[in-house]
């Protein structure tokens, strides 16, 4: 089944614990946490203490996406705070293989995230160090952006590269995922769907999650 990961970037931070519990009760599979530093991207969100707060109210996997400079400085802190998986931006890593190995040594699953202009080939020599790949289908920094259509071709190119290397790494997509785009995204071979405003912006979280899951499952089956 498709994995639906609500992004707390779109949650109401004045009642974050309630929001996390609400999406968990509504059927979320993971909780996605976007960490931004105001340098790599023009927004600032939260640090390890925010992840620790989320961990205190849920047993769901917490998927942390580090959109920050010098991610190696903070990997151990986020893992200790309760991150189940940690992805880093390829563009922010001087030594990507070393960073991915660091994530795994911390006890978390290691992911690499690609900005819209970064090709899948950037990962070809670190595939053995990856547990999953995150395709950014918007330019990172803010929630609520529209899906970039060229991301579909990029996902297919990534799938082709993985087939050449006989690998079946999970593919995650973040940015503009909603009921209108999830089918096309799923048809390309995506496994994990990160959605912010498409869930937290709705009155009925359970219905929103179910709509995404059904739309993804139908097109994956096709």
N, C-alpha and C. Protein backbone atom coordinates (compact mmCIF):
# COMPACT_ATOMS: atom_id res chain seq x y z
N UNK A 1 0.84 -1.21 0.00
CA UNK A 1 0.00 0.00 0.00
C UNK A 1 0.87 1.25 0.00
N UNK A 2 0.39 2.32 -0.63
CA UNK A 2 1.13 3.58 -0.59
C UNK A 2 1.28 4.08 0.84
N UNK A 3 2.41 4.71 1.12
CA UNK A 3 2.67 5.30 2.43
C UNK A 3 2.32 6.78 2.37
N UNK A 4 1.44 7.21 3.25
CA UNK A 4 1.02 8.61 3.31
C UNK A 4 1.69 9.25 4.53
N UNK A 5 2.45 10.31 4.28
CA UNK A 5 3.22 10.97 5.34
C UNK A 5 2.83 12.43 5.44
N UNK A 6 1.91 12.78 6.32
CA UNK A 6 1.55 14.20 6.49
C UNK A 6 2.75 15.03 6.94
N UNK A 7 2.91 16.17 6.31
CA UNK A 7 4.00 17.08 6.65
C UNK A 7 3.53 18.09 7.68
N UNK A 8 4.17 18.10 8.84
CA UNK A 8 3.73 19.00 9.90
C UNK A 8 4.08 20.46 9.60
N UNK A 9 4.77 20.71 8.50
CA UNK A 9 5.01 22.09 8.09
C UNK A 9 3.68 22.83 7.91
N UNK A 10 2.63 22.10 7.55
CA UNK A 10 1.32 22.71 7.32
C UNK A 10 0.38 22.60 8.52
N UNK A 11 0.87 22.02 9.62
CA UNK A 11 0.03 21.86 10.80
C UNK A 11 -0.09 23.18 11.56
N UNK A 12 -1.03 23.21 12.47
CA UNK A 12 -1.20 24.35 13.37
C UNK A 12 -0.23 24.17 14.54
N UNK A 13 0.85 24.96 14.55
CA UNK A 13 1.89 24.77 15.54
C UNK A 13 1.44 25.17 16.95
N UNK A 14 0.34 25.89 17.07
CA UNK A 14 -0.15 26.24 18.40
C UNK A 14 -0.74 25.03 19.11
N UNK A 15 -1.01 23.96 18.36
CA UNK A 15 -1.53 22.71 18.94
C UNK A 15 -0.92 21.52 18.21
N UNK A 16 0.40 21.53 18.11
CA UNK A 16 1.10 20.53 17.31
C UNK A 16 0.83 19.11 17.79
N UNK A 17 0.88 18.89 19.09
CA UNK A 17 0.62 17.55 19.61
C UNK A 17 -0.75 17.03 19.19
N UNK A 18 -1.76 17.88 19.28
CA UNK A 18 -3.11 17.49 18.87
C UNK A 18 -3.15 17.17 17.38
N UNK A 19 -2.45 17.98 16.59
CA UNK A 19 -2.44 17.77 15.14
C UNK A 19 -1.79 16.43 14.79
N UNK A 20 -0.68 16.11 15.44
CA UNK A 20 0.00 14.84 15.17
C UNK A 20 -0.90 13.67 15.56
N UNK A 21 -1.50 13.75 16.73
CA UNK A 21 -2.41 12.67 17.14
C UNK A 21 -3.60 12.56 16.18
N UNK A 22 -4.07 13.67 15.68
CA UNK A 22 -5.23 13.66 14.79
C UNK A 22 -4.92 12.94 13.47
N UNK A 23 -3.76 13.22 12.88
CA UNK A 23 -3.44 12.55 11.62
C UNK A 23 -3.11 11.08 11.85
N UNK A 24 -2.52 10.78 13.01
CA UNK A 24 -2.27 9.37 13.33
C UNK A 24 -3.60 8.62 13.43
N UNK A 25 -4.55 9.18 14.14
CA UNK A 25 -5.87 8.55 14.27
C UNK A 25 -6.60 8.50 12.94
N UNK A 26 -6.24 9.41 12.02
CA UNK A 26 -6.89 9.46 10.71
C UNK A 26 -6.28 8.48 9.71
N UNK A 27 -5.21 7.78 10.12
CA UNK A 27 -4.65 6.75 9.24
C UNK A 27 -3.30 7.06 8.63
N UNK A 28 -2.62 8.10 9.09
CA UNK A 28 -1.29 8.41 8.56
C UNK A 28 -0.34 7.26 8.84
N UNK A 29 0.60 7.05 7.92
CA UNK A 29 1.60 5.99 8.08
C UNK A 29 2.88 6.52 8.74
N UNK A 30 3.31 7.70 8.32
CA UNK A 30 4.50 8.36 8.86
C UNK A 30 4.12 9.79 9.22
N UNK A 31 5.00 10.44 9.98
CA UNK A 31 4.96 11.88 10.19
C UNK A 31 6.20 12.46 9.53
N UNK A 32 6.01 13.45 8.66
CA UNK A 32 7.13 14.06 7.95
C UNK A 32 7.45 15.42 8.56
N UNK A 33 8.73 15.63 8.87
CA UNK A 33 9.16 16.87 9.52
C UNK A 33 10.20 17.57 8.65
N UNK A 34 9.85 18.74 8.14
CA UNK A 34 10.75 19.53 7.31
C UNK A 34 11.54 20.50 8.18
N UNK A 35 12.85 20.32 8.21
CA UNK A 35 13.73 21.15 9.02
C UNK A 35 14.44 22.15 8.11
N UNK A 36 14.24 23.45 8.37
CA UNK A 36 14.79 24.51 7.52
C UNK A 36 15.56 25.50 8.39
N UNK A 37 16.66 26.00 7.84
CA UNK A 37 17.58 26.80 8.65
C UNK A 37 17.67 28.28 8.27
N UNK A 38 16.92 28.72 7.25
CA UNK A 38 17.02 30.11 6.82
C UNK A 38 18.25 30.42 6.00
N UNK A 39 19.06 29.41 5.70
CA UNK A 39 20.26 29.59 4.88
C UNK A 39 20.16 28.76 3.60
N UNK A 40 20.04 27.45 3.75
CA UNK A 40 19.89 26.61 2.56
C UNK A 40 18.57 26.90 1.86
N UNK A 41 17.55 27.17 2.66
CA UNK A 41 16.24 27.61 2.15
C UNK A 41 15.85 28.87 2.90
N UNK A 42 14.95 29.68 2.35
CA UNK A 42 14.65 30.99 2.96
C UNK A 42 13.65 30.96 4.11
N UNK A 43 13.41 29.81 4.68
CA UNK A 43 12.45 29.70 5.78
C UNK A 43 13.15 29.08 6.98
N UNK A 44 12.60 29.26 8.17
CA UNK A 44 13.11 28.64 9.39
C UNK A 44 11.96 27.89 10.05
N UNK A 45 12.21 26.65 10.44
CA UNK A 45 11.14 25.88 11.08
C UNK A 45 11.53 25.50 12.51
N UNK A 46 12.13 24.35 12.71
CA UNK A 46 12.42 23.89 14.07
C UNK A 46 13.64 22.97 14.03
N UNK A 47 14.10 22.59 15.22
CA UNK A 47 15.27 21.74 15.35
C UNK A 47 14.95 20.43 16.05
N UNK A 48 15.96 19.79 16.64
CA UNK A 48 15.75 18.51 17.32
C UNK A 48 14.68 18.55 18.41
N UNK A 49 14.55 19.68 19.11
CA UNK A 49 13.54 19.75 20.17
C UNK A 49 12.13 19.60 19.60
N UNK A 50 11.92 20.11 18.38
CA UNK A 50 10.63 19.93 17.73
C UNK A 50 10.35 18.48 17.41
N UNK A 51 11.37 17.78 16.92
CA UNK A 51 11.22 16.36 16.63
C UNK A 51 10.99 15.58 17.92
N UNK A 52 11.70 15.94 18.99
CA UNK A 52 11.50 15.27 20.27
C UNK A 52 10.06 15.46 20.77
N UNK A 53 9.51 16.64 20.54
CA UNK A 53 8.13 16.91 20.96
C UNK A 53 7.16 16.03 20.17
N UNK A 54 7.41 15.88 18.87
CA UNK A 54 6.55 15.01 18.06
C UNK A 54 6.68 13.56 18.53
N UNK A 55 7.91 13.13 18.80
CA UNK A 55 8.11 11.74 19.25
C UNK A 55 7.37 11.47 20.56
N UNK A 56 7.21 12.48 21.39
CA UNK A 56 6.56 12.28 22.68
C UNK A 56 5.07 12.00 22.56
N UNK A 57 4.48 12.25 21.39
CA UNK A 57 3.03 12.06 21.24
C UNK A 57 2.67 11.00 20.22
N UNK A 58 3.66 10.36 19.58
CA UNK A 58 3.34 9.35 18.58
C UNK A 58 4.41 8.27 18.51
N UNK A 59 3.98 7.07 18.14
CA UNK A 59 4.90 5.97 17.88
C UNK A 59 5.11 5.75 16.39
N UNK A 60 4.45 6.57 15.56
CA UNK A 60 4.64 6.45 14.11
C UNK A 60 6.09 6.79 13.73
N UNK A 61 6.58 6.23 12.62
CA UNK A 61 7.89 6.65 12.14
C UNK A 61 7.91 8.15 11.87
N UNK A 62 8.98 8.81 12.30
CA UNK A 62 9.16 10.23 12.03
C UNK A 62 10.24 10.37 10.97
N UNK A 63 9.85 10.93 9.85
CA UNK A 63 10.72 11.09 8.68
C UNK A 63 11.20 12.54 8.65
N UNK A 64 12.47 12.75 8.94
CA UNK A 64 13.03 14.09 9.04
C UNK A 64 13.77 14.45 7.76
N UNK A 65 13.40 15.57 7.17
CA UNK A 65 14.04 16.06 5.95
C UNK A 65 14.85 17.30 6.31
N UNK A 66 16.18 17.19 6.25
CA UNK A 66 17.07 18.29 6.62
C UNK A 66 17.35 19.16 5.40
N UNK A 67 16.73 20.32 5.37
CA UNK A 67 17.00 21.32 4.34
C UNK A 67 17.87 22.40 4.96
N UNK A 68 19.09 21.99 5.31
CA UNK A 68 19.98 22.85 6.07
C UNK A 68 21.41 22.73 5.55
N UNK A 69 22.21 23.76 5.85
CA UNK A 69 23.63 23.69 5.58
C UNK A 69 24.31 22.84 6.65
N UNK A 70 25.41 22.21 6.28
CA UNK A 70 26.20 21.40 7.23
C UNK A 70 25.34 20.39 8.01
N UNK A 71 24.60 19.55 7.31
CA UNK A 71 23.69 18.63 8.02
C UNK A 71 24.41 17.67 8.96
N UNK A 72 25.67 17.35 8.68
CA UNK A 72 26.39 16.41 9.54
C UNK A 72 26.46 16.88 10.99
N UNK A 73 26.43 18.17 11.21
CA UNK A 73 26.53 18.70 12.57
C UNK A 73 25.33 18.31 13.43
N UNK A 74 24.21 17.98 12.79
CA UNK A 74 22.97 17.80 13.54
C UNK A 74 22.36 16.40 13.42
N UNK A 75 22.97 15.53 12.65
CA UNK A 75 22.39 14.21 12.42
C UNK A 75 22.21 13.44 13.72
N UNK A 76 23.24 13.39 14.55
CA UNK A 76 23.13 12.65 15.80
C UNK A 76 22.05 13.22 16.70
N UNK A 77 21.90 14.55 16.70
CA UNK A 77 20.89 15.19 17.55
C UNK A 77 19.47 14.81 17.10
N UNK A 78 19.25 14.79 15.78
CA UNK A 78 17.92 14.45 15.29
C UNK A 78 17.63 12.97 15.51
N UNK A 79 18.63 12.13 15.34
CA UNK A 79 18.43 10.70 15.60
C UNK A 79 18.11 10.47 17.07
N UNK A 80 18.83 11.14 17.96
CA UNK A 80 18.58 10.99 19.39
C UNK A 80 17.21 11.53 19.78
N UNK A 81 16.72 12.52 19.04
CA UNK A 81 15.41 13.10 19.32
C UNK A 81 14.25 12.20 18.92
N UNK A 82 14.55 11.17 18.10
CA UNK A 82 13.50 10.22 17.73
C UNK A 82 13.24 10.07 16.25
N UNK A 83 14.10 10.63 15.40
CA UNK A 83 13.91 10.48 13.96
C UNK A 83 14.11 9.01 13.55
N UNK A 84 13.17 8.48 12.79
CA UNK A 84 13.27 7.12 12.27
C UNK A 84 14.09 7.10 10.98
N UNK A 85 13.94 8.14 10.19
CA UNK A 85 14.68 8.28 8.94
C UNK A 85 15.07 9.74 8.79
N UNK A 86 16.22 9.95 8.15
CA UNK A 86 16.74 11.30 7.94
C UNK A 86 17.21 11.41 6.50
N UNK A 87 16.68 12.40 5.80
CA UNK A 87 17.15 12.67 4.44
C UNK A 87 17.86 14.01 4.42
N UNK A 88 18.91 14.08 3.59
CA UNK A 88 19.69 15.29 3.44
C UNK A 88 19.64 15.73 1.98
N UNK A 89 19.77 17.01 1.77
CA UNK A 89 19.81 17.54 0.42
C UNK A 89 21.18 17.27 -0.20
N UNK A 90 21.18 16.66 -1.37
CA UNK A 90 22.43 16.38 -2.07
C UNK A 90 23.23 17.66 -2.26
N UNK A 91 22.53 18.75 -2.55
CA UNK A 91 23.19 20.01 -2.85
C UNK A 91 23.89 20.62 -1.63
N UNK A 92 23.52 20.17 -0.43
CA UNK A 92 24.09 20.73 0.80
C UNK A 92 25.25 19.91 1.35
N UNK A 93 25.54 18.77 0.72
CA UNK A 93 26.53 17.83 1.26
C UNK A 93 27.84 17.90 0.47
N UNK A 94 28.92 18.18 1.17
CA UNK A 94 30.24 18.19 0.53
C UNK A 94 30.70 16.76 0.26
N UNK A 95 30.46 15.87 1.22
CA UNK A 95 30.85 14.46 1.09
C UNK A 95 29.60 13.62 1.32
N UNK A 96 28.82 13.41 0.28
CA UNK A 96 27.51 12.79 0.42
C UNK A 96 27.61 11.37 0.98
N UNK A 97 28.53 10.58 0.49
CA UNK A 97 28.65 9.20 0.97
C UNK A 97 28.93 9.17 2.47
N UNK A 98 29.80 10.06 2.93
CA UNK A 98 30.13 10.11 4.35
C UNK A 98 28.90 10.52 5.18
N UNK A 99 28.13 11.45 4.65
CA UNK A 99 26.94 11.90 5.37
C UNK A 99 25.91 10.79 5.47
N UNK A 100 25.69 10.06 4.39
CA UNK A 100 24.73 8.95 4.42
C UNK A 100 25.19 7.86 5.38
N UNK A 101 26.47 7.57 5.38
CA UNK A 101 27.00 6.59 6.33
C UNK A 101 26.81 7.06 7.77
N UNK A 102 26.96 8.35 7.99
CA UNK A 102 26.76 8.94 9.31
C UNK A 102 25.31 8.73 9.77
N UNK A 103 24.36 8.96 8.87
CA UNK A 103 22.95 8.77 9.22
C UNK A 103 22.70 7.32 9.64
N UNK A 104 23.20 6.40 8.86
CA UNK A 104 23.00 4.99 9.21
C UNK A 104 23.65 4.64 10.54
N UNK A 105 24.84 5.17 10.80
CA UNK A 105 25.52 4.86 12.06
C UNK A 105 24.78 5.44 13.25
N UNK A 106 23.94 6.46 13.01
CA UNK A 106 23.15 7.05 14.09
C UNK A 106 21.94 6.20 14.45
N UNK A 107 21.64 5.21 13.60
CA UNK A 107 20.50 4.34 13.84
C UNK A 107 19.27 4.68 13.02
N UNK A 108 19.35 5.72 12.19
CA UNK A 108 18.22 6.11 11.35
C UNK A 108 18.42 5.59 9.92
N UNK A 109 17.34 5.52 9.18
CA UNK A 109 17.42 5.18 7.76
C UNK A 109 17.92 6.41 7.01
N UNK A 110 18.71 6.17 5.97
CA UNK A 110 19.38 7.27 5.25
C UNK A 110 18.71 7.54 3.91
N UNK A 111 18.37 8.81 3.70
CA UNK A 111 17.78 9.22 2.43
C UNK A 111 18.51 10.40 1.84
N UNK A 112 18.43 10.53 0.52
CA UNK A 112 18.99 11.68 -0.18
C UNK A 112 17.87 12.37 -0.92
N UNK A 113 17.83 13.70 -0.79
CA UNK A 113 16.79 14.51 -1.42
C UNK A 113 17.38 15.30 -2.58
N UNK A 114 16.63 15.34 -3.68
CA UNK A 114 17.06 16.04 -4.89
C UNK A 114 16.15 17.23 -5.15
N UNK A 115 16.74 18.42 -5.25
CA UNK A 115 15.98 19.59 -5.67
C UNK A 115 15.51 19.43 -7.12
N UNK A 116 14.53 20.22 -7.56
CA UNK A 116 14.00 20.05 -8.92
C UNK A 116 15.05 20.09 -10.03
N UNK A 117 16.09 20.88 -9.88
CA UNK A 117 17.09 21.00 -10.94
C UNK A 117 18.24 20.00 -10.82
N UNK A 118 18.23 19.14 -9.80
CA UNK A 118 19.31 18.18 -9.59
C UNK A 118 18.91 16.83 -10.20
N UNK A 119 19.71 16.29 -11.11
CA UNK A 119 19.34 15.04 -11.79
C UNK A 119 19.56 13.81 -10.93
N UNK A 120 18.83 12.73 -11.19
CA UNK A 120 19.04 11.47 -10.45
C UNK A 120 20.47 10.95 -10.55
N UNK A 121 21.17 11.27 -11.62
CA UNK A 121 22.55 10.79 -11.79
C UNK A 121 23.45 11.23 -10.64
N UNK A 122 23.07 12.26 -9.91
CA UNK A 122 23.86 12.72 -8.77
C UNK A 122 23.96 11.65 -7.69
N UNK A 123 23.09 10.65 -7.74
CA UNK A 123 23.06 9.59 -6.72
C UNK A 123 23.73 8.30 -7.17
N UNK A 124 24.14 8.22 -8.40
CA UNK A 124 24.54 6.93 -8.98
C UNK A 124 25.65 6.25 -8.19
N UNK A 125 26.56 7.02 -7.61
CA UNK A 125 27.71 6.42 -6.94
C UNK A 125 27.51 6.28 -5.43
N UNK A 126 26.33 6.57 -4.96
CA UNK A 126 26.05 6.38 -3.52
C UNK A 126 24.83 5.50 -3.30
N UNK A 127 24.37 4.81 -4.31
CA UNK A 127 23.15 4.02 -4.19
C UNK A 127 23.24 2.97 -3.09
N UNK A 128 24.41 2.40 -2.89
CA UNK A 128 24.57 1.38 -1.86
C UNK A 128 24.46 1.95 -0.45
N UNK A 129 24.54 3.26 -0.34
CA UNK A 129 24.46 3.90 0.98
C UNK A 129 23.07 4.45 1.28
N UNK A 130 22.12 4.23 0.38
CA UNK A 130 20.79 4.81 0.50
C UNK A 130 19.75 3.79 0.95
N UNK A 131 18.81 4.25 1.77
CA UNK A 131 17.64 3.46 2.11
C UNK A 131 16.39 3.95 1.37
N UNK A 132 16.43 5.18 0.87
CA UNK A 132 15.33 5.72 0.07
C UNK A 132 15.80 7.00 -0.61
N UNK A 133 15.02 7.45 -1.59
CA UNK A 133 15.31 8.69 -2.32
C UNK A 133 14.10 9.59 -2.23
N UNK A 134 14.35 10.87 -1.97
CA UNK A 134 13.29 11.87 -1.91
C UNK A 134 13.40 12.82 -3.10
N UNK A 135 12.39 12.85 -3.92
CA UNK A 135 12.31 13.78 -5.04
C UNK A 135 11.51 15.00 -4.60
N UNK A 136 12.14 16.17 -4.64
CA UNK A 136 11.42 17.41 -4.36
C UNK A 136 10.72 17.87 -5.64
N UNK A 137 9.41 17.94 -5.58
CA UNK A 137 8.64 18.33 -6.76
C UNK A 137 8.19 19.79 -6.68
N UNK A 138 8.78 20.52 -5.75
CA UNK A 138 8.72 21.99 -5.68
C UNK A 138 10.11 22.44 -5.23
N UNK A 139 10.39 23.72 -5.40
CA UNK A 139 11.62 24.24 -4.84
C UNK A 139 11.41 24.42 -3.34
N UNK A 140 12.26 23.81 -2.52
CA UNK A 140 11.98 23.75 -1.09
C UNK A 140 12.04 25.10 -0.39
N UNK A 141 11.31 25.18 0.70
CA UNK A 141 11.33 26.38 1.50
C UNK A 141 9.98 26.76 2.08
N UNK A 142 8.91 26.45 1.36
CA UNK A 142 7.58 26.84 1.81
C UNK A 142 6.56 25.78 1.43
N UNK A 143 5.53 25.61 2.24
CA UNK A 143 4.45 24.70 1.93
C UNK A 143 3.45 25.34 0.98
N UNK A 144 2.57 24.50 0.43
CA UNK A 144 1.48 25.00 -0.40
C UNK A 144 1.84 25.33 -1.82
N UNK A 145 3.04 24.94 -2.29
CA UNK A 145 3.43 25.25 -3.66
C UNK A 145 2.82 24.26 -4.65
N UNK A 146 2.75 24.67 -5.91
CA UNK A 146 2.20 23.82 -6.96
C UNK A 146 3.24 22.81 -7.44
N UNK A 147 2.79 21.61 -7.74
CA UNK A 147 3.63 20.53 -8.25
C UNK A 147 4.28 20.94 -9.57
N UNK A 148 5.58 20.68 -9.71
CA UNK A 148 6.30 20.96 -10.95
C UNK A 148 6.15 19.76 -11.89
N UNK A 149 5.46 19.91 -13.02
CA UNK A 149 5.15 18.76 -13.88
C UNK A 149 6.36 17.97 -14.36
N UNK A 150 7.50 18.64 -14.58
CA UNK A 150 8.68 17.93 -15.06
C UNK A 150 9.20 16.92 -14.05
N UNK A 151 8.70 16.99 -12.82
CA UNK A 151 9.11 16.02 -11.80
C UNK A 151 8.72 14.59 -12.19
N UNK A 152 7.66 14.45 -12.98
CA UNK A 152 7.23 13.11 -13.38
C UNK A 152 8.29 12.42 -14.23
N UNK A 153 8.85 13.15 -15.18
CA UNK A 153 9.92 12.57 -16.01
C UNK A 153 11.14 12.25 -15.16
N UNK A 154 11.41 13.07 -14.17
CA UNK A 154 12.55 12.85 -13.29
C UNK A 154 12.36 11.58 -12.45
N UNK A 155 11.14 11.37 -11.96
CA UNK A 155 10.86 10.14 -11.20
C UNK A 155 11.06 8.92 -12.08
N UNK A 156 10.57 9.00 -13.32
CA UNK A 156 10.75 7.87 -14.23
C UNK A 156 12.23 7.62 -14.51
N UNK A 157 13.01 8.68 -14.66
CA UNK A 157 14.45 8.53 -14.89
C UNK A 157 15.13 7.87 -13.70
N UNK A 158 14.70 8.24 -12.49
CA UNK A 158 15.24 7.60 -11.29
C UNK A 158 14.89 6.12 -11.27
N UNK A 159 13.66 5.78 -11.59
CA UNK A 159 13.25 4.38 -11.63
C UNK A 159 14.07 3.59 -12.65
N UNK A 160 14.33 4.20 -13.80
CA UNK A 160 15.14 3.55 -14.83
C UNK A 160 16.55 3.29 -14.30
N UNK A 161 17.13 4.27 -13.60
CA UNK A 161 18.47 4.11 -13.06
C UNK A 161 18.51 2.99 -12.01
N UNK A 162 17.50 2.93 -11.18
CA UNK A 162 17.45 1.88 -10.17
C UNK A 162 17.32 0.50 -10.81
N UNK A 163 16.53 0.41 -11.88
CA UNK A 163 16.41 -0.88 -12.57
C UNK A 163 17.74 -1.32 -13.17
N UNK A 164 18.47 -0.39 -13.74
CA UNK A 164 19.79 -0.72 -14.31
C UNK A 164 20.70 -1.30 -13.24
N UNK A 165 20.60 -0.76 -12.03
CA UNK A 165 21.44 -1.23 -10.93
C UNK A 165 20.77 -2.35 -10.13
N UNK A 166 19.61 -2.80 -10.58
CA UNK A 166 18.87 -3.89 -9.96
C UNK A 166 18.58 -3.61 -8.49
N UNK A 167 18.11 -2.40 -8.23
CA UNK A 167 17.76 -1.96 -6.89
C UNK A 167 16.29 -1.60 -6.83
N UNK A 168 15.72 -1.73 -5.65
CA UNK A 168 14.31 -1.40 -5.45
C UNK A 168 14.15 -0.43 -4.27
N UNK A 169 14.90 0.64 -4.29
CA UNK A 169 14.81 1.62 -3.22
C UNK A 169 13.44 2.32 -3.23
N UNK A 170 12.85 2.53 -2.07
CA UNK A 170 11.61 3.30 -2.03
C UNK A 170 11.84 4.73 -2.53
N UNK A 171 10.87 5.25 -3.24
CA UNK A 171 10.93 6.62 -3.75
C UNK A 171 9.84 7.43 -3.05
N UNK A 172 10.25 8.58 -2.55
CA UNK A 172 9.35 9.49 -1.84
C UNK A 172 9.25 10.78 -2.64
N UNK A 173 8.07 11.38 -2.66
CA UNK A 173 7.88 12.66 -3.35
C UNK A 173 7.25 13.65 -2.38
N UNK A 174 7.78 14.87 -2.42
CA UNK A 174 7.31 15.94 -1.54
C UNK A 174 7.17 17.22 -2.34
N UNK A 175 5.97 17.80 -2.31
CA UNK A 175 5.74 19.08 -2.98
C UNK A 175 4.56 19.03 -3.92
N UNK A 176 3.48 19.69 -3.55
CA UNK A 176 2.32 19.75 -4.43
C UNK A 176 1.57 18.44 -4.56
N UNK A 177 1.74 17.53 -3.59
CA UNK A 177 1.02 16.26 -3.61
C UNK A 177 -0.39 16.49 -3.09
N UNK A 178 -1.37 16.20 -3.93
CA UNK A 178 -2.77 16.36 -3.53
C UNK A 178 -3.63 15.40 -4.34
N UNK A 179 -4.93 15.48 -4.17
CA UNK A 179 -5.83 14.54 -4.84
C UNK A 179 -5.75 14.65 -6.36
N UNK A 180 -5.38 15.81 -6.88
CA UNK A 180 -5.30 16.00 -8.33
C UNK A 180 -3.99 15.48 -8.92
N UNK A 181 -2.92 15.43 -8.14
CA UNK A 181 -1.61 15.05 -8.67
C UNK A 181 -1.17 13.65 -8.25
N UNK A 182 -1.77 13.10 -7.20
CA UNK A 182 -1.25 11.86 -6.63
C UNK A 182 -1.30 10.69 -7.61
N UNK A 183 -2.30 10.65 -8.48
CA UNK A 183 -2.40 9.55 -9.43
C UNK A 183 -1.25 9.52 -10.40
N UNK A 184 -0.96 10.67 -11.01
CA UNK A 184 0.16 10.74 -11.96
C UNK A 184 1.48 10.43 -11.28
N UNK A 185 1.64 10.89 -10.04
CA UNK A 185 2.87 10.63 -9.30
C UNK A 185 3.01 9.14 -9.02
N UNK A 186 1.94 8.53 -8.56
CA UNK A 186 1.96 7.10 -8.25
C UNK A 186 2.26 6.26 -9.47
N UNK A 187 1.70 6.65 -10.62
CA UNK A 187 1.89 5.89 -11.85
C UNK A 187 3.36 5.81 -12.27
N UNK A 188 4.18 6.73 -11.78
CA UNK A 188 5.61 6.72 -12.11
C UNK A 188 6.40 5.76 -11.24
N UNK A 189 5.79 5.25 -10.17
CA UNK A 189 6.47 4.28 -9.32
C UNK A 189 6.84 4.78 -7.95
N UNK A 190 6.13 5.79 -7.45
CA UNK A 190 6.43 6.36 -6.13
C UNK A 190 5.78 5.53 -5.03
N UNK A 191 6.46 5.45 -3.89
CA UNK A 191 6.00 4.64 -2.77
C UNK A 191 5.50 5.48 -1.60
N UNK A 192 6.13 6.63 -1.35
CA UNK A 192 5.84 7.45 -0.18
C UNK A 192 5.40 8.83 -0.64
N UNK A 193 4.24 9.28 -0.14
CA UNK A 193 3.64 10.53 -0.58
C UNK A 193 3.56 11.49 0.60
N UNK A 194 4.36 12.56 0.52
CA UNK A 194 4.36 13.58 1.56
C UNK A 194 3.35 14.64 1.18
N UNK A 195 2.42 14.92 2.07
CA UNK A 195 1.38 15.91 1.78
C UNK A 195 1.19 16.80 3.00
N UNK A 196 1.17 18.09 2.76
CA UNK A 196 0.97 19.05 3.84
C UNK A 196 -0.41 19.65 3.83
N UNK A 197 -0.61 20.68 3.00
CA UNK A 197 -1.89 21.38 2.96
C UNK A 197 -3.02 20.50 2.43
N UNK A 198 -2.68 19.44 1.69
CA UNK A 198 -3.72 18.53 1.20
C UNK A 198 -4.34 17.72 2.32
N UNK A 199 -3.68 17.70 3.48
CA UNK A 199 -4.23 17.01 4.66
C UNK A 199 -4.58 18.01 5.76
N UNK A 200 -3.57 18.75 6.23
CA UNK A 200 -3.81 19.66 7.34
C UNK A 200 -4.72 20.83 6.95
N UNK A 201 -4.85 21.09 5.66
CA UNK A 201 -5.73 22.16 5.22
C UNK A 201 -7.17 21.74 5.04
N UNK A 202 -7.50 20.51 5.43
CA UNK A 202 -8.84 19.98 5.22
C UNK A 202 -9.60 19.84 6.53
N UNK A 203 -10.92 19.81 6.44
CA UNK A 203 -11.73 19.66 7.63
C UNK A 203 -11.72 18.23 8.16
N UNK A 204 -11.59 17.25 7.24
CA UNK A 204 -11.65 15.84 7.61
C UNK A 204 -10.33 15.18 7.24
N UNK A 205 -9.43 15.00 8.22
CA UNK A 205 -8.11 14.43 7.94
C UNK A 205 -8.21 13.00 7.42
N UNK A 206 -9.12 12.22 8.00
CA UNK A 206 -9.25 10.82 7.59
C UNK A 206 -9.68 10.72 6.13
N UNK A 207 -10.63 11.55 5.73
CA UNK A 207 -11.09 11.53 4.34
C UNK A 207 -9.97 11.98 3.40
N UNK A 208 -9.20 12.98 3.82
CA UNK A 208 -8.12 13.47 2.97
C UNK A 208 -7.04 12.41 2.78
N UNK A 209 -6.67 11.72 3.85
CA UNK A 209 -5.66 10.66 3.76
C UNK A 209 -6.18 9.51 2.92
N UNK A 210 -7.43 9.14 3.13
CA UNK A 210 -8.01 8.04 2.36
C UNK A 210 -8.08 8.38 0.88
N UNK A 211 -8.39 9.63 0.56
CA UNK A 211 -8.46 10.05 -0.83
C UNK A 211 -7.09 9.94 -1.50
N UNK A 212 -6.06 10.35 -0.80
CA UNK A 212 -4.70 10.23 -1.34
C UNK A 212 -4.31 8.77 -1.50
N UNK A 213 -4.59 7.96 -0.50
CA UNK A 213 -4.20 6.56 -0.55
C UNK A 213 -4.90 5.82 -1.69
N UNK A 214 -6.19 6.07 -1.83
CA UNK A 214 -6.96 5.40 -2.88
C UNK A 214 -6.49 5.86 -4.26
N UNK A 215 -6.23 7.16 -4.42
CA UNK A 215 -5.76 7.66 -5.70
C UNK A 215 -4.41 7.09 -6.07
N UNK A 216 -3.52 6.97 -5.09
CA UNK A 216 -2.21 6.39 -5.35
C UNK A 216 -2.30 4.90 -5.65
N UNK A 217 -3.08 4.19 -4.85
CA UNK A 217 -3.19 2.74 -5.03
C UNK A 217 -3.80 2.38 -6.38
N UNK A 218 -4.81 3.13 -6.81
CA UNK A 218 -5.47 2.85 -8.08
C UNK A 218 -4.51 2.99 -9.25
N UNK A 219 -3.68 4.00 -9.21
CA UNK A 219 -2.77 4.21 -10.34
C UNK A 219 -1.54 3.33 -10.26
N UNK A 220 -1.13 2.96 -9.06
CA UNK A 220 -0.03 2.01 -8.94
C UNK A 220 -0.48 0.65 -9.50
N UNK A 221 -1.73 0.27 -9.20
CA UNK A 221 -2.24 -1.03 -9.67
C UNK A 221 -2.34 -1.05 -11.18
N UNK A 222 -2.67 0.13 -11.77
CA UNK A 222 -2.83 0.21 -13.22
C UNK A 222 -1.48 0.07 -13.91
